[in-house]
Amino acid sequence: MMVTRFLLGCTEASLSPGFTLITSLWYRTSEQPLRAGIWFCGNSLSLIFGNLIAVGILQIKNSLKAWQWLFIIFGLATFLWGTLMLFRLPDSPTDAKFLTEEERIIAIERMRANQTGYKSSKIDRSQIVEAFKDVKTWLLATLILACNIPNGGFTTFNGLVLQGFGFNTFHTLLLGLPGGLIVFLFVLFGGIVSSKVPNSRCLVMVGMIIISILGSALVYAGTSIATRYAGLLLMGIYSASMPVSMAMISSNVGGFTKKTTVSAIYFIMYCTGNIIGPQLFFTREAPKYQSGFLAIIICLVICVIVGLALLFYLRWENSRRDKMSVGAVATANQEKYSGATQRELIDTTDLKNMEFRYVY
């Protein structure tokens, strides 16, 4: 089982960073939060439909156990869909066989305004170094680490907490459905607002995390089952901020190698948080797990602080660049890139392109 889980992790590792990169190569900056939110909705939809299917699987009575049928059915579906994706999902408009030559040019031209560069097969070591030196990288890394320590604990122990209310496995699965629906709606809401309202991304993230803090407090301090269950439903909303933070990478990081590096750091922190989270829930405290939920509250408060810090840093950097663009820096950039067309698609980083403006 441990070997199988390890192999599953290996195959799963490329999904979110890969989808984030693909999103950045197909959609404009203003379009990315909603598109990232749509594919991220698979997480919440899987909770809804997965639990419903699991309820049905529980009714299978033969030589194989229910959890074995769960792995067979979901594993086979994933394998077949993955095979289809391998042959049908293009990684960029230049590889899309379903586009005509004219449509391919239009798709590439749409990306000019992003000024984040375009796909390059060459690994630029200077961009890797810059990614590690960039303040934004570590603000985003801290944000996702602090956000996924609660994620690791919540996803692992949510069902056990529900069972601690006195419910059996059947009812625990059914009671998990509303949480998936709520997260689904908030993911779409966050994506739409972030796409339609300029520079609202950090505030959208902070707002959803604050709701989760409220939910965590209800679970931590609540005494009745109804109060604690309501808290569990609100707790999961923090995860709706994650597609918005992914869009922050695709929109705010210029240079293909730098973007892939920042994405890698981001998802390493994502995995690290999910490793740490379950360790903060102690068996002796079941079914309330007070220490675990207190740790979740602390981490979510850190997320709010870092989210606001990222907001003010990006605003400050834009203001600084606006002041500099009046003078010699704008002239130097113009000479260096010799025209807007070349500059907008050249594989340069956001720190080197002083006409780049961040979204927040």
Protein backbone atom coordinates (compact mmCIF):
# COMPACT_ATOMS: atom_id res chain seq x y z
CA MET A 1 0.00 0.00 0.00
CA MET A 2 2.83 2.41 0.82
CA VAL A 3 4.59 1.64 -2.49
CA THR A 4 1.33 2.15 -4.39
CA ARG A 5 0.71 5.45 -2.62
CA PHE A 6 4.25 6.57 -3.44
CA LEU A 7 3.72 5.81 -7.14
CA LEU A 8 0.39 7.63 -7.06
CA GLY A 9 2.18 10.68 -5.64
CA CYS A 10 4.77 10.52 -8.42
CA THR A 11 2.11 10.55 -11.14
CA GLU A 12 0.01 13.18 -9.35
CA ALA A 13 2.93 15.57 -8.86
CA SER A 14 2.77 17.08 -12.35
CA LEU A 15 -0.96 17.80 -12.41
CA SER A 16 -1.43 21.19 -10.73
CA PRO A 17 1.87 22.78 -11.85
CA GLY A 18 1.31 21.42 -15.35
CA PHE A 19 -2.25 22.76 -15.53
CA THR A 20 -1.06 26.13 -14.18
CA LEU A 21 1.56 26.41 -16.93
CA ILE A 22 -0.90 25.33 -19.63
CA THR A 23 -3.42 27.90 -18.39
CA SER A 24 -0.79 30.65 -18.64
CA LEU A 25 -0.04 29.67 -22.26
CA TRP A 26 -3.65 29.78 -23.42
CA TYR A 27 -5.33 32.61 -21.51
CA ARG A 28 -4.80 36.29 -20.83
CA THR A 29 -3.94 37.52 -17.35
CA SER A 30 -7.50 38.69 -16.70
CA GLU A 31 -8.90 35.31 -17.80
CA GLN A 32 -6.61 33.06 -15.78
CA PRO A 33 -8.23 33.10 -12.28
CA LEU A 34 -11.59 31.85 -13.60
CA ARG A 35 -9.97 29.21 -15.86
CA ALA A 36 -7.76 27.98 -13.03
CA GLY A 37 -10.84 27.93 -10.81
CA ILE A 38 -12.79 25.84 -13.33
CA TRP A 39 -10.22 23.04 -13.52
CA PHE A 40 -9.59 23.29 -9.78
CA CYS A 41 -13.33 22.64 -9.29
CA GLY A 42 -12.48 19.02 -10.05
CA ASN A 43 -11.35 18.75 -6.41
CA SER A 44 -14.71 19.77 -4.95
CA LEU A 45 -16.72 17.91 -7.60
CA SER A 46 -14.72 14.77 -6.84
CA LEU A 47 -15.77 15.10 -3.21
CA ILE A 48 -19.44 15.31 -4.21
CA PHE A 49 -19.54 12.59 -6.85
CA GLY A 50 -16.81 10.52 -5.20
CA ASN A 51 -18.80 10.30 -1.98
CA LEU A 52 -21.98 9.41 -3.88
CA ILE A 53 -20.18 6.68 -5.81
CA ALA A 54 -18.55 5.48 -2.57
CA VAL A 55 -22.00 5.16 -0.98
CA GLY A 56 -22.99 2.88 -3.88
CA ILE A 57 -19.75 0.91 -3.70
CA LEU A 58 -20.41 0.23 -0.01
CA GLN A 59 -23.42 -1.82 -1.11
CA ILE A 60 -21.25 -4.27 -3.13
CA LYS A 61 -21.07 -7.56 -1.28
CA ASN A 62 -18.61 -10.16 -2.65
CA SER A 63 -15.09 -11.50 -2.12
CA LEU A 64 -13.50 -8.07 -2.62
CA LYS A 65 -13.89 -5.43 0.07
CA ALA A 66 -15.56 -2.06 -0.61
CA TRP A 67 -12.30 -0.09 -0.43
CA GLN A 68 -10.74 -2.45 -3.00
CA TRP A 69 -13.60 -1.81 -5.43
CA LEU A 70 -13.12 1.91 -4.75
CA PHE A 71 -9.49 1.72 -5.92
CA ILE A 72 -10.35 -0.45 -8.94
CA ILE A 73 -13.19 1.76 -10.21
CA PHE A 74 -11.56 5.15 -9.59
CA GLY A 75 -8.15 3.92 -10.68
CA LEU A 76 -9.45 2.52 -13.96
CA ALA A 77 -11.41 5.71 -14.72
CA THR A 78 -8.32 7.85 -14.00
CA PHE A 79 -6.10 5.66 -16.17
CA LEU A 80 -8.48 5.77 -19.16
CA TRP A 81 -9.01 9.53 -18.90
CA GLY A 82 -5.28 10.09 -18.47
CA THR A 83 -4.60 8.14 -21.65
CA LEU A 84 -7.09 10.33 -23.53
CA MET A 85 -5.44 13.47 -22.10
CA LEU A 86 -2.03 12.24 -23.23
CA PHE A 87 -3.10 12.18 -26.86
CA ARG A 88 -5.68 14.98 -26.94
CA LEU A 89 -4.56 17.79 -24.58
CA PRO A 90 -2.05 20.17 -26.25
CA ASP A 91 0.40 21.98 -23.98
CA SER A 92 0.23 25.24 -25.99
CA PRO A 93 -1.52 26.74 -29.06
CA THR A 94 1.54 25.93 -31.21
CA ASP A 95 0.90 22.20 -30.62
CA ALA A 96 -2.90 22.30 -30.98
CA LYS A 97 -3.89 20.18 -33.98
CA PHE A 98 -7.51 21.31 -33.76
CA LEU A 99 -6.53 24.95 -34.53
CA THR A 100 -6.10 26.27 -38.04
CA GLU A 101 -2.97 28.28 -38.81
CA GLU A 102 -4.97 31.51 -38.54
CA GLU A 103 -6.49 30.47 -35.21
CA ARG A 104 -3.05 29.49 -33.92
CA ILE A 105 -1.70 32.97 -34.73
CA ILE A 106 -4.70 34.59 -33.04
CA ALA A 107 -4.18 32.45 -29.91
CA ILE A 108 -0.52 33.46 -29.71
CA GLU A 109 -1.28 37.13 -30.39
CA ARG A 110 -3.73 37.15 -27.47
CA MET A 111 -0.82 36.44 -25.14
CA ARG A 112 1.17 39.57 -26.02
CA ALA A 113 -0.46 41.75 -23.39
CA ASN A 114 0.58 39.32 -20.60
CA GLN A 115 4.29 40.16 -21.10
CA THR A 116 5.21 36.95 -19.26
CA GLY A 117 7.08 35.44 -22.20
CA TYR A 118 6.14 32.31 -24.10
CA LYS A 119 7.00 28.64 -23.99
CA SER A 120 10.70 27.90 -24.42
CA SER A 121 12.39 24.50 -24.52
CA LYS A 122 15.65 26.00 -23.25
CA ILE A 123 16.44 25.99 -19.52
CA ASP A 124 17.71 29.43 -18.50
CA ARG A 125 19.81 29.08 -15.34
CA SER A 126 19.74 32.83 -14.66
CA GLN A 127 15.94 32.64 -14.42
CA ILE A 128 16.20 29.82 -11.88
CA VAL A 129 18.52 31.94 -9.74
CA GLU A 130 16.20 34.93 -10.06
CA ALA A 131 13.22 32.81 -8.98
CA PHE A 132 14.98 31.95 -5.72
CA LYS A 133 15.95 35.60 -5.12
CA ASP A 134 12.50 37.04 -5.85
CA VAL A 135 10.50 38.18 -2.80
CA LYS A 136 7.25 37.16 -4.51
CA THR A 137 8.41 33.54 -4.69
CA TRP A 138 8.75 33.25 -0.94
CA LEU A 139 5.61 35.20 -0.13
CA LEU A 140 3.64 32.78 -2.32
CA ALA A 141 5.58 29.81 -0.88
CA THR A 142 4.78 30.88 2.69
CA LEU A 143 1.16 31.45 1.76
CA ILE A 144 0.71 28.00 0.25
CA LEU A 145 2.62 26.28 3.08
CA ALA A 146 0.48 27.95 5.73
CA CYS A 147 -2.65 27.17 3.70
CA ASN A 148 -1.88 23.48 3.23
CA ILE A 149 -0.95 22.61 6.79
CA PRO A 150 -4.69 23.06 7.51
CA ASN A 151 -5.46 21.23 4.25
CA GLY A 152 -3.48 18.16 5.30
CA GLY A 153 -5.19 18.02 8.66
CA PHE A 154 -8.67 18.90 7.46
CA THR A 155 -8.86 16.46 4.54
CA THR A 156 -7.42 13.62 6.64
CA PHE A 157 -9.47 14.10 9.79
CA ASN A 158 -12.69 15.67 8.50
CA GLY A 159 -14.35 12.26 8.18
CA LEU A 160 -13.07 11.13 11.57
CA VAL A 161 -14.47 14.27 13.21
CA LEU A 162 -17.86 13.58 11.60
CA GLN A 163 -17.74 9.99 12.86
CA GLY A 164 -16.93 11.41 16.29
CA PHE A 165 -20.33 13.12 16.19
CA GLY A 166 -21.80 9.61 16.31
CA PHE A 167 -22.40 8.98 12.59
CA ASN A 168 -21.58 5.75 10.79
CA THR A 169 -19.58 5.52 7.54
CA PHE A 170 -22.70 5.75 5.34
CA HIS A 171 -23.94 8.99 6.94
CA THR A 172 -20.41 10.40 7.18
CA LEU A 173 -20.08 10.14 3.39
CA LEU A 174 -23.44 11.84 2.86
CA LEU A 175 -22.66 14.62 5.33
CA GLY A 176 -19.45 15.33 3.40
CA LEU A 177 -21.40 16.27 0.25
CA PRO A 178 -22.50 19.82 1.26
CA GLY A 179 -18.88 20.79 2.00
CA GLY A 180 -17.86 19.89 -1.55
CA LEU A 181 -20.74 21.92 -2.98
CA ILE A 182 -19.87 24.97 -0.86
CA VAL A 183 -16.21 24.87 -1.94
CA PHE A 184 -17.30 24.44 -5.58
CA LEU A 185 -19.45 27.59 -5.40
CA PHE A 186 -16.73 29.62 -3.69
CA VAL A 187 -14.11 28.50 -6.23
CA LEU A 188 -16.32 29.77 -9.06
CA PHE A 189 -17.18 32.93 -7.12
CA GLY A 190 -13.52 33.69 -6.43
CA GLY A 191 -12.55 33.02 -10.04
CA ILE A 192 -15.29 35.26 -11.44
CA VAL A 193 -14.61 38.16 -9.06
CA SER A 194 -10.82 37.93 -9.58
CA SER A 195 -11.29 37.92 -13.36
CA LYS A 196 -13.87 40.71 -13.52
CA VAL A 197 -12.66 43.09 -10.80
CA PRO A 198 -9.14 44.44 -11.43
CA ASN A 199 -6.57 43.84 -8.69
CA SER A 200 -8.94 42.01 -6.35
CA ARG A 201 -7.09 38.70 -6.13
CA CYS A 202 -5.34 39.13 -2.79
CA LEU A 203 -8.48 40.53 -1.18
CA VAL A 204 -10.54 37.61 -2.53
CA MET A 205 -8.02 35.13 -1.07
CA VAL A 206 -7.93 36.90 2.29
CA GLY A 207 -11.73 37.12 2.44
CA MET A 208 -12.22 33.39 1.86
CA ILE A 209 -9.52 32.48 4.38
CA ILE A 210 -11.19 34.68 7.01
CA ILE A 211 -14.42 32.70 6.52
CA SER A 212 -12.42 29.51 7.13
CA ILE A 213 -10.98 31.00 10.32
CA LEU A 214 -14.56 31.55 11.52
CA GLY A 215 -15.42 27.95 10.67
CA SER A 216 -12.33 26.64 12.44
CA ALA A 217 -13.23 28.64 15.54
CA LEU A 218 -16.72 27.09 15.54
CA VAL A 219 -15.24 23.60 15.39
CA TYR A 220 -12.62 24.41 18.04
CA ALA A 221 -14.87 26.16 20.55
CA GLY A 222 -18.33 24.82 19.61
CA THR A 223 -20.15 22.47 21.96
CA SER A 224 -23.17 21.33 19.94
CA ILE A 225 -23.02 18.99 16.94
CA ALA A 226 -24.86 21.53 14.75
CA THR A 227 -22.35 24.29 15.54
CA ARG A 228 -19.34 22.10 14.90
CA TYR A 229 -20.81 20.68 11.68
CA ALA A 230 -21.49 24.22 10.41
CA GLY A 231 -17.87 25.03 11.25
CA LEU A 232 -16.65 22.04 9.23
CA LEU A 233 -18.65 23.23 6.22
CA LEU A 234 -17.09 26.71 6.43
CA MET A 235 -13.58 25.43 7.11
CA GLY A 236 -13.04 24.07 3.60
CA ILE A 237 -13.53 27.46 1.95
CA TYR A 238 -9.83 28.30 2.39
CA SER A 239 -9.11 25.85 -0.46
CA ALA A 240 -11.05 28.10 -2.85
CA SER A 241 -8.20 30.62 -2.53
CA MET A 242 -5.70 28.20 -4.05
CA PRO A 243 -6.67 28.57 -7.75
CA VAL A 244 -6.45 32.35 -7.29
CA SER A 245 -2.94 31.98 -5.86
CA MET A 246 -2.01 29.70 -8.79
CA ALA A 247 -3.19 32.42 -11.17
CA MET A 248 -0.94 34.84 -9.28
CA ILE A 249 2.03 32.76 -10.50
CA SER A 250 0.92 32.52 -14.11
CA SER A 251 0.10 36.25 -14.25
CA ASN A 252 2.94 37.76 -12.20
CA VAL A 253 5.99 35.68 -13.11
CA GLY A 254 7.70 36.42 -16.42
CA GLY A 255 10.10 34.03 -18.14
CA PHE A 256 9.18 30.42 -18.85
CA THR A 257 12.00 28.86 -16.82
CA LYS A 258 11.35 31.20 -13.92
CA LYS A 259 7.65 30.43 -14.00
CA THR A 260 8.25 26.67 -13.94
CA THR A 261 10.72 27.12 -11.06
CA VAL A 262 8.31 29.23 -8.99
CA SER A 263 5.55 26.70 -9.73
CA ALA A 264 7.81 23.87 -8.53
CA ILE A 265 8.63 25.72 -5.29
CA TYR A 266 4.94 26.50 -4.81
CA PHE A 267 3.89 22.86 -5.10
CA ILE A 268 6.77 21.57 -2.99
CA MET A 269 5.41 23.81 -0.24
CA TYR A 270 1.92 22.50 -1.04
CA CYS A 271 3.11 18.93 -0.45
CA THR A 272 5.12 19.91 2.64
CA GLY A 273 2.05 21.49 4.21
CA ASN A 274 0.00 18.37 3.56
CA ILE A 275 2.71 16.27 5.21
CA ILE A 276 2.88 18.49 8.32
CA GLY A 277 -0.89 18.94 8.79
CA PRO A 278 -1.89 15.41 9.88
CA GLN A 279 0.98 15.31 12.39
CA LEU A 280 -0.74 18.06 14.41
CA PHE A 281 -3.79 15.86 15.11
CA PHE A 282 -3.22 13.54 18.06
CA THR A 283 -5.09 10.27 18.61
CA ARG A 284 -5.45 10.95 22.33
CA GLU A 285 -7.55 14.06 21.50
CA ALA A 286 -10.07 12.22 19.26
CA PRO A 287 -12.74 13.06 18.26
CA LYS A 288 -12.35 16.81 18.93
CA TYR A 289 -8.66 17.13 18.02
CA GLN A 290 -8.34 20.49 19.80
CA SER A 291 -4.61 20.91 19.12
CA GLY A 292 -5.11 20.25 15.42
CA PHE A 293 -7.88 22.82 15.00
CA LEU A 294 -5.94 25.38 17.03
CA ALA A 295 -2.99 24.86 14.68
CA ILE A 296 -5.34 25.33 11.72
CA ILE A 297 -6.55 28.67 13.09
CA ILE A 298 -2.97 29.88 13.62
CA CYS A 299 -1.93 28.86 10.09
CA LEU A 300 -4.94 30.53 8.50
CA VAL A 301 -4.20 33.76 10.39
CA ILE A 302 -0.66 33.60 8.95
CA CYS A 303 -2.24 33.19 5.49
CA VAL A 304 -4.21 36.41 5.97
CA ILE A 305 -1.08 38.31 7.04
CA VAL A 306 0.99 36.99 4.12
CA GLY A 307 -1.84 37.65 1.66
CA LEU A 308 -2.02 41.29 2.76
CA ALA A 309 1.79 41.56 2.66
CA LEU A 310 1.74 40.28 -0.95
CA LEU A 311 -0.95 42.83 -1.81
CA PHE A 312 1.03 45.78 -0.44
CA TYR A 313 4.32 44.55 -1.92
CA LEU A 314 2.92 44.25 -5.46
CA ARG A 315 1.20 47.64 -5.20
CA TRP A 316 4.42 49.20 -4.00
CA GLU A 317 6.42 47.59 -6.80
CA ASN A 318 3.96 48.83 -9.44
CA SER A 319 4.13 52.33 -7.99
CA ARG A 320 7.93 52.22 -8.02
CA ARG A 321 7.97 51.13 -11.65
CA ASP A 322 5.49 53.84 -12.63
CA LYS A 323 7.85 56.47 -11.23
CA MET A 324 10.88 54.95 -12.96
CA SER A 325 9.19 54.57 -16.35
CA VAL A 326 9.21 58.32 -16.89
CA GLY A 327 13.01 58.46 -17.04
CA ALA A 328 15.93 56.58 -18.43
CA VAL A 329 14.72 53.08 -17.61
CA ALA A 330 11.91 53.23 -20.17
CA THR A 331 14.35 54.44 -22.80
CA ALA A 332 16.82 51.68 -21.99
CA ASN A 333 14.09 49.03 -22.24
CA GLN A 334 12.96 50.38 -25.57
CA GLU A 335 16.47 50.14 -27.00
CA LYS A 336 17.08 46.71 -25.50
CA TYR A 337 13.96 45.02 -26.82
CA SER A 338 13.69 47.05 -30.04
CA GLY A 339 9.96 47.33 -30.32
CA ALA A 340 6.81 46.31 -28.46
CA THR A 341 6.15 43.21 -30.54
CA GLN A 342 9.47 41.61 -29.68
CA ARG A 343 9.40 42.70 -26.06
CA GLU A 344 5.95 41.28 -25.29
CA LEU A 345 6.74 37.74 -26.42
CA ILE A 346 10.44 37.59 -25.61
CA ASP A 347 11.32 35.07 -22.88
CA THR A 348 12.37 37.64 -20.28
CA THR A 349 11.51 37.83 -16.60
CA ASP A 350 9.24 40.25 -14.83
CA LEU A 351 12.16 41.72 -12.85
CA LYS A 352 14.11 42.53 -16.00
CA ASN A 353 11.16 43.94 -17.93
CA MET A 354 10.50 47.24 -16.17
CA GLU A 355 7.31 47.81 -18.18
CA PHE A 356 5.78 44.71 -16.61
CA ARG A 357 3.00 45.48 -14.12
CA TYR A 358 1.82 43.07 -11.46
CA VAL A 359 -1.79 42.11 -10.72
CA TYR A 360 -2.83 41.76 -7.13
